[in-house]
Amino acid sequence: MDTAALRSAYDRLLDAAAIPDLGDADDGGWNADQILAHLLSVDASTAGVALGVVAGARPTFDNRISLDAWNLDRIIAEHSGRADLLDHVRSQAAVLCDIADRLNEQDASVLVPSLLLSNGAVVLDRPVPVAGLIDGLAESHVPGHTQQLLGLRRTVPGHA
């Protein structure tokens, strides 16, 4: 697989997450640490699916654990702060990309039963090729969370 788009998406996300003094979401949504913890969970799950396929298993992908507040809090607590979370996201994204880079066409095309939820609604409940899971991260998931992080920027009165 070609992971140039995913690597680029992560570069933009990591730049956004490194903005100092990100605030809380106005709508009560996730803060920056929760977004990063969510990404760590999703990336680990995706890497596990890809490695499972290579091993001959037929895994499933279910993102509910990556949405669970207790799990996100657990991941955050295992890190010493935002910089540590950022470093872990950076290294885990590199691992995921390295795994994807090595997938052959046959493994990348294996259909994986997938369940994706967002904001309490099912957005996907059907088999997806491994490549589709990984490409989906590059095309919508990571860019969406980049925009979410940018939305947490605090504005200084008198500055746009």
Foldseek 3Di string as FASTA:
>chain_A
DDCPLVLVLLVLLLVLLPPPPQAAFPVRDDGSLLLLLLLLQLLVQLLVCLVCLVVVHQAAAESPCSVDPVSSVVSSVVAPDSVRSSVSSNVSSVVSNVSVVPDDPVQQQDWHQYWDDDPRHTPDGGTDGSVRSSVCCSPPVSNVVSVVSNSRDDDDPPGD
